[in-house]
Structure formats: C-alpha cells, structure tokens
N, C-alpha and C. Protein backbone atom coordinates (compact mmCIF):
# COMPACT_ATOMS: atom_id res chain seq x y z
N MET A 1 0.85 -1.17 0.00
CA MET A 1 0.00 0.00 0.00
C MET A 1 0.90 1.24 0.01
N SER A 2 0.53 2.19 -0.83
CA SER A 2 1.32 3.41 -0.86
C SER A 2 1.09 4.26 0.39
N LYS A 3 2.07 5.05 0.71
CA LYS A 3 1.99 5.94 1.87
C LYS A 3 0.82 6.91 1.73
N ARG A 4 0.66 7.39 0.50
CA ARG A 4 -0.39 8.37 0.23
C ARG A 4 -1.78 7.75 0.48
N LEU A 5 -1.99 6.53 0.03
CA LEU A 5 -3.25 5.84 0.23
C LEU A 5 -3.48 5.59 1.72
N PHE A 6 -2.45 5.09 2.39
CA PHE A 6 -2.56 4.83 3.83
C PHE A 6 -2.95 6.09 4.61
N LEU A 7 -2.29 7.18 4.32
CA LEU A 7 -2.58 8.44 5.04
C LEU A 7 -3.98 8.95 4.70
N ARG A 8 -4.45 8.72 3.47
CA ARG A 8 -5.81 9.13 3.11
C ARG A 8 -6.81 8.33 3.94
N ILE A 9 -6.57 7.04 4.08
CA ILE A 9 -7.47 6.20 4.87
C ILE A 9 -7.47 6.65 6.32
N VAL A 10 -6.30 6.91 6.86
CA VAL A 10 -6.19 7.36 8.28
C VAL A 10 -6.94 8.68 8.44
N ASN A 11 -6.71 9.63 7.55
CA ASN A 11 -7.36 10.93 7.65
C ASN A 11 -8.90 10.80 7.51
N ASP A 12 -9.35 9.96 6.62
CA ASP A 12 -10.81 9.77 6.50
C ASP A 12 -11.39 9.15 7.75
N LEU A 13 -10.71 8.18 8.31
CA LEU A 13 -11.21 7.56 9.54
C LEU A 13 -11.17 8.54 10.72
N GLU A 14 -10.11 9.35 10.82
CA GLU A 14 -10.04 10.34 11.89
C GLU A 14 -11.14 11.38 11.74
N ALA A 15 -11.46 11.75 10.51
CA ALA A 15 -12.47 12.77 10.27
C ALA A 15 -13.89 12.26 10.61
N ASN A 16 -14.09 10.96 10.47
CA ASN A 16 -15.41 10.39 10.66
C ASN A 16 -15.65 9.69 12.01
N TYR A 17 -14.55 9.33 12.70
CA TYR A 17 -14.70 8.56 13.94
C TYR A 17 -13.78 9.11 15.01
N ASP A 18 -14.35 9.35 16.17
CA ASP A 18 -13.57 9.84 17.32
C ASP A 18 -12.53 8.82 17.77
N TYR A 19 -12.84 7.53 17.57
CA TYR A 19 -11.95 6.46 18.03
C TYR A 19 -10.52 6.63 17.49
N PHE A 20 -10.41 7.11 16.26
CA PHE A 20 -9.11 7.22 15.60
C PHE A 20 -8.35 8.51 15.95
N LYS A 21 -8.98 9.40 16.68
CA LYS A 21 -8.31 10.62 17.09
C LYS A 21 -7.48 10.37 18.36
N GLN A 22 -6.31 10.97 18.43
CA GLN A 22 -5.47 10.78 19.61
C GLN A 22 -6.04 11.61 20.74
N LYS A 23 -6.30 10.95 21.87
CA LYS A 23 -6.90 11.62 23.03
C LYS A 23 -6.15 11.24 24.29
N PRO A 24 -6.16 12.08 25.32
CA PRO A 24 -5.54 11.71 26.56
C PRO A 24 -6.41 10.68 27.31
N ASP A 25 -5.76 9.80 28.06
CA ASP A 25 -6.50 8.83 28.87
C ASP A 25 -6.82 9.45 30.21
N ALA A 26 -7.28 8.63 31.16
CA ALA A 26 -7.69 9.11 32.49
C ALA A 26 -6.53 9.76 33.25
N ARG A 27 -5.29 9.31 32.99
CA ARG A 27 -4.12 9.88 33.66
C ARG A 27 -3.60 11.14 32.97
N GLY A 28 -4.11 11.43 31.79
CA GLY A 28 -3.66 12.59 31.03
C GLY A 28 -2.61 12.23 29.99
N ALA A 29 -2.20 10.97 29.94
CA ALA A 29 -1.22 10.57 28.92
C ALA A 29 -1.91 10.38 27.59
N LEU A 30 -1.26 10.80 26.52
CA LEU A 30 -1.87 10.64 25.22
C LEU A 30 -1.92 9.19 24.80
N GLY A 31 -3.04 8.83 24.18
CA GLY A 31 -3.24 7.46 23.68
C GLY A 31 -2.60 7.28 22.33
N PHE A 32 -2.93 6.21 21.66
CA PHE A 32 -2.37 5.92 20.34
C PHE A 32 -2.96 6.86 19.31
N THR A 33 -2.16 7.10 18.29
CA THR A 33 -2.61 7.94 17.15
C THR A 33 -3.44 7.10 16.19
N GLY A 34 -4.12 7.78 15.28
CA GLY A 34 -4.86 7.09 14.25
C GLY A 34 -3.95 6.25 13.38
N ILE A 35 -2.75 6.75 13.13
CA ILE A 35 -1.77 6.00 12.32
C ILE A 35 -1.42 4.71 13.02
N GLN A 36 -1.20 4.70 14.32
CA GLN A 36 -0.85 3.52 15.05
C GLN A 36 -2.00 2.51 15.06
N LYS A 37 -3.22 3.00 15.24
CA LYS A 37 -4.38 2.12 15.30
C LYS A 37 -4.63 1.49 13.93
N CYS A 38 -4.50 2.27 12.87
CA CYS A 38 -4.68 1.71 11.51
C CYS A 38 -3.57 0.73 11.16
N THR A 39 -2.34 1.06 11.55
CA THR A 39 -1.22 0.16 11.29
C THR A 39 -1.47 -1.17 12.01
N SER A 40 -1.92 -1.10 13.22
CA SER A 40 -2.22 -2.31 13.98
C SER A 40 -3.26 -3.19 13.28
N ALA A 41 -4.36 -2.56 12.85
CA ALA A 41 -5.39 -3.32 12.18
C ALA A 41 -4.93 -3.90 10.86
N LEU A 42 -4.18 -3.12 10.08
CA LEU A 42 -3.69 -3.59 8.80
C LEU A 42 -2.70 -4.74 8.93
N ARG A 43 -1.86 -4.71 9.99
CA ARG A 43 -0.94 -5.80 10.19
C ARG A 43 -1.66 -7.11 10.51
N ILE A 44 -2.76 -7.01 11.25
CA ILE A 44 -3.54 -8.18 11.55
C ILE A 44 -4.20 -8.74 10.28
N LEU A 45 -4.77 -7.83 9.49
CA LEU A 45 -5.46 -8.24 8.25
C LEU A 45 -4.47 -8.73 7.19
N ALA A 46 -3.34 -8.09 7.04
CA ALA A 46 -2.42 -8.42 5.99
C ALA A 46 -1.65 -9.69 6.25
N TYR A 47 -1.24 -9.90 7.49
CA TYR A 47 -0.37 -11.04 7.79
C TYR A 47 -1.13 -12.18 8.47
N GLY A 48 -2.38 -11.96 8.83
CA GLY A 48 -3.14 -13.01 9.50
C GLY A 48 -2.65 -13.30 10.88
N ASN A 49 -2.03 -12.36 11.54
CA ASN A 49 -1.51 -12.56 12.87
C ASN A 49 -2.63 -12.50 13.93
N THR A 50 -2.29 -12.95 15.09
CA THR A 50 -3.21 -12.83 16.24
C THR A 50 -3.09 -11.42 16.81
N THR A 51 -4.05 -11.06 17.62
CA THR A 51 -4.08 -9.68 18.14
C THR A 51 -2.97 -9.39 19.15
N ASP A 52 -2.33 -10.41 19.71
CA ASP A 52 -1.28 -10.15 20.67
C ASP A 52 0.06 -9.82 20.04
N ILE A 53 0.16 -9.93 18.70
CA ILE A 53 1.43 -9.69 17.99
C ILE A 53 1.87 -8.21 18.09
N ASN A 54 0.92 -7.30 18.21
CA ASN A 54 1.28 -5.88 18.24
C ASN A 54 1.81 -5.40 19.59
N ASP A 55 1.79 -6.31 20.57
CA ASP A 55 2.34 -5.93 21.86
C ASP A 55 3.83 -5.54 21.76
N GLU A 56 4.57 -6.35 21.03
CA GLU A 56 6.00 -6.05 20.87
C GLU A 56 6.26 -4.96 19.85
N TYR A 57 5.55 -4.99 18.74
CA TYR A 57 5.81 -4.05 17.64
C TYR A 57 5.35 -2.62 17.95
N LEU A 58 4.13 -2.47 18.45
CA LEU A 58 3.55 -1.16 18.69
C LEU A 58 3.36 -0.86 20.18
N LYS A 59 3.71 -1.82 21.04
CA LYS A 59 3.47 -1.67 22.48
C LYS A 59 1.98 -1.40 22.77
N MET A 60 1.16 -2.16 22.03
CA MET A 60 -0.28 -2.03 22.11
C MET A 60 -0.87 -3.30 22.71
N ALA A 61 -1.75 -3.13 23.68
CA ALA A 61 -2.37 -4.25 24.36
C ALA A 61 -3.26 -5.03 23.37
N GLU A 62 -3.50 -6.29 23.71
CA GLU A 62 -4.32 -7.14 22.85
C GLU A 62 -5.72 -6.57 22.67
N LYS A 63 -6.31 -6.08 23.74
CA LYS A 63 -7.67 -5.51 23.66
C LYS A 63 -7.69 -4.28 22.76
N THR A 64 -6.71 -3.43 22.88
CA THR A 64 -6.64 -2.23 22.03
C THR A 64 -6.49 -2.62 20.56
N THR A 65 -5.67 -3.63 20.32
CA THR A 65 -5.51 -4.12 18.94
C THR A 65 -6.81 -4.67 18.40
N ARG A 66 -7.51 -5.46 19.19
CA ARG A 66 -8.80 -6.02 18.77
C ARG A 66 -9.81 -4.89 18.51
N ASP A 67 -9.87 -3.91 19.41
CA ASP A 67 -10.77 -2.78 19.24
C ASP A 67 -10.43 -2.00 17.98
N SER A 68 -9.13 -1.80 17.75
CA SER A 68 -8.70 -1.07 16.55
C SER A 68 -9.11 -1.81 15.30
N LEU A 69 -8.99 -3.11 15.30
CA LEU A 69 -9.36 -3.94 14.16
C LEU A 69 -10.87 -3.83 13.90
N GLU A 70 -11.65 -3.93 14.93
CA GLU A 70 -13.11 -3.82 14.78
C GLU A 70 -13.54 -2.46 14.26
N HIS A 71 -13.00 -1.39 14.86
CA HIS A 71 -13.31 -0.04 14.42
C HIS A 71 -12.83 0.21 12.98
N PHE A 72 -11.64 -0.30 12.67
CA PHE A 72 -11.09 -0.12 11.34
C PHE A 72 -11.99 -0.78 10.28
N CYS A 73 -12.36 -2.02 10.51
CA CYS A 73 -13.20 -2.74 9.56
C CYS A 73 -14.56 -2.06 9.40
N ARG A 74 -15.17 -1.68 10.49
CA ARG A 74 -16.47 -0.99 10.42
C ARG A 74 -16.31 0.34 9.71
N GLY A 75 -15.25 1.08 10.00
CA GLY A 75 -15.00 2.35 9.37
C GLY A 75 -14.79 2.23 7.89
N ILE A 76 -14.03 1.27 7.44
CA ILE A 76 -13.77 1.06 6.02
C ILE A 76 -15.09 0.74 5.29
N ILE A 77 -15.90 -0.09 5.90
CA ILE A 77 -17.21 -0.45 5.30
C ILE A 77 -18.09 0.78 5.21
N ASP A 78 -18.17 1.57 6.28
CA ASP A 78 -19.02 2.73 6.29
C ASP A 78 -18.54 3.84 5.33
N VAL A 79 -17.24 4.11 5.36
CA VAL A 79 -16.70 5.23 4.57
C VAL A 79 -16.55 4.87 3.11
N TYR A 80 -16.08 3.67 2.81
CA TYR A 80 -15.74 3.33 1.41
C TYR A 80 -16.68 2.27 0.82
N GLY A 81 -17.57 1.73 1.60
CA GLY A 81 -18.38 0.63 1.14
C GLY A 81 -19.21 0.92 -0.10
N ALA A 82 -19.84 2.06 -0.16
CA ALA A 82 -20.71 2.37 -1.28
C ALA A 82 -19.95 2.41 -2.60
N ARG A 83 -18.72 2.85 -2.55
CA ARG A 83 -17.95 2.98 -3.78
C ARG A 83 -17.11 1.77 -4.13
N TYR A 84 -16.44 1.20 -3.15
CA TYR A 84 -15.47 0.15 -3.43
C TYR A 84 -15.93 -1.26 -3.05
N LEU A 85 -16.85 -1.39 -2.14
CA LEU A 85 -17.26 -2.71 -1.69
C LEU A 85 -18.64 -3.03 -2.28
N ARG A 86 -18.74 -3.06 -3.55
CA ARG A 86 -19.98 -3.33 -4.27
C ARG A 86 -19.75 -4.46 -5.24
N THR A 87 -20.83 -4.98 -5.77
CA THR A 87 -20.74 -6.02 -6.78
C THR A 87 -20.18 -5.38 -8.05
N PRO A 88 -19.16 -5.98 -8.65
CA PRO A 88 -18.55 -5.38 -9.85
C PRO A 88 -19.52 -5.34 -11.02
N THR A 89 -19.43 -4.27 -11.80
CA THR A 89 -20.22 -4.16 -13.02
C THR A 89 -19.54 -4.94 -14.12
N TRP A 90 -20.23 -5.08 -15.27
CA TRP A 90 -19.64 -5.75 -16.41
C TRP A 90 -18.36 -5.06 -16.86
N GLU A 91 -18.35 -3.73 -16.82
CA GLU A 91 -17.17 -2.97 -17.20
C GLU A 91 -16.01 -3.23 -16.25
N ASP A 92 -16.31 -3.33 -14.96
CA ASP A 92 -15.29 -3.65 -13.95
C ASP A 92 -14.66 -4.99 -14.25
N LEU A 93 -15.48 -5.97 -14.54
CA LEU A 93 -14.98 -7.32 -14.81
C LEU A 93 -14.10 -7.33 -16.06
N GLN A 94 -14.47 -6.56 -17.08
CA GLN A 94 -13.68 -6.48 -18.29
C GLN A 94 -12.29 -5.90 -17.98
N LYS A 95 -12.25 -4.84 -17.16
CA LYS A 95 -10.98 -4.22 -16.79
C LYS A 95 -10.11 -5.21 -16.01
N ILE A 96 -10.71 -5.92 -15.08
CA ILE A 96 -9.96 -6.89 -14.29
C ILE A 96 -9.39 -7.99 -15.22
N TYR A 97 -10.22 -8.42 -16.14
CA TYR A 97 -9.80 -9.46 -17.09
C TYR A 97 -8.61 -8.96 -17.94
N GLU A 98 -8.69 -7.72 -18.41
CA GLU A 98 -7.61 -7.15 -19.24
C GLU A 98 -6.34 -7.04 -18.42
N VAL A 99 -6.39 -6.57 -17.20
CA VAL A 99 -5.20 -6.46 -16.35
C VAL A 99 -4.61 -7.84 -16.09
N HIS A 100 -5.46 -8.79 -15.83
CA HIS A 100 -4.99 -10.16 -15.57
C HIS A 100 -4.26 -10.73 -16.81
N ASN A 101 -4.84 -10.53 -17.94
CA ASN A 101 -4.22 -11.03 -19.19
C ASN A 101 -2.88 -10.33 -19.46
N ALA A 102 -2.82 -9.03 -19.19
CA ALA A 102 -1.59 -8.30 -19.40
C ALA A 102 -0.50 -8.80 -18.46
N GLU A 103 -0.85 -9.15 -17.24
CA GLU A 103 0.15 -9.69 -16.30
C GLU A 103 0.61 -11.07 -16.72
N LEU A 104 -0.27 -11.88 -17.27
CA LEU A 104 0.11 -13.22 -17.75
C LEU A 104 1.10 -13.07 -18.90
N VAL A 105 0.89 -12.11 -19.79
CA VAL A 105 1.78 -11.93 -20.94
C VAL A 105 3.16 -11.50 -20.42
N CYS A 106 3.20 -10.67 -19.40
CA CYS A 106 4.50 -10.24 -18.82
C CYS A 106 5.28 -11.40 -18.21
N LEU A 107 4.58 -12.37 -17.64
CA LEU A 107 5.22 -13.48 -16.98
C LEU A 107 5.80 -14.49 -17.96
N VAL A 108 5.28 -14.52 -19.13
CA VAL A 108 5.74 -15.51 -20.14
C VAL A 108 6.95 -15.04 -20.84
C-alpha cells in the first residue's frame, strides 16, 4: 500500500470517527494515534496474525488491537463501502480481465 493511500485512509477515519483521534487517557497521557491504530489493524489483516502480535511491535495491548481492528473494519465499510465494496459491473470485470491477461503476458 502506498503511503499516500494509507494516510488518506487514516485521515478519512479520523475525520469520521472519534476512536481514531489521539486523546488523553484518564491519567492525562496521550493514547495511540490514528496511524498507530490503523497500522495495527492492517498488520492483523495483511499477515493473518493474532491480536497479541502488536504488543512487541507497537506496544499495544491485545484488547486495544482487537478494538482497533473492529473499528477499522467498520469504518472502512461505512466510509468506502458504497464505492469500493460493491458487486462489480460488467465494465469492472472487463478491466480486471484485461489487467490479468496483461500480467500473464509479462510473466511468459
């Protein structure tokens, strides 16, 4: 994923959901940023890891990772679902087919 796309997703989620905004906790210490929460969720989705894996990498508790994943998935569906998570049209399928064929030609 490009940095530009990742930051666009983070910004869209921060704009639409309070969960992704960095806020102080009960002690006054700042919590995780939207970038950290999205990174956590994407690592789980991309690598198929368990939620405890981010404890070492991001110093994020298992519950926070699980919550981030749930909010991230719900946010992606709500924000981008109408445009990107729809049944493909005939034109979409043709484009996918063309790209697939072009990749096969490159491999040969």
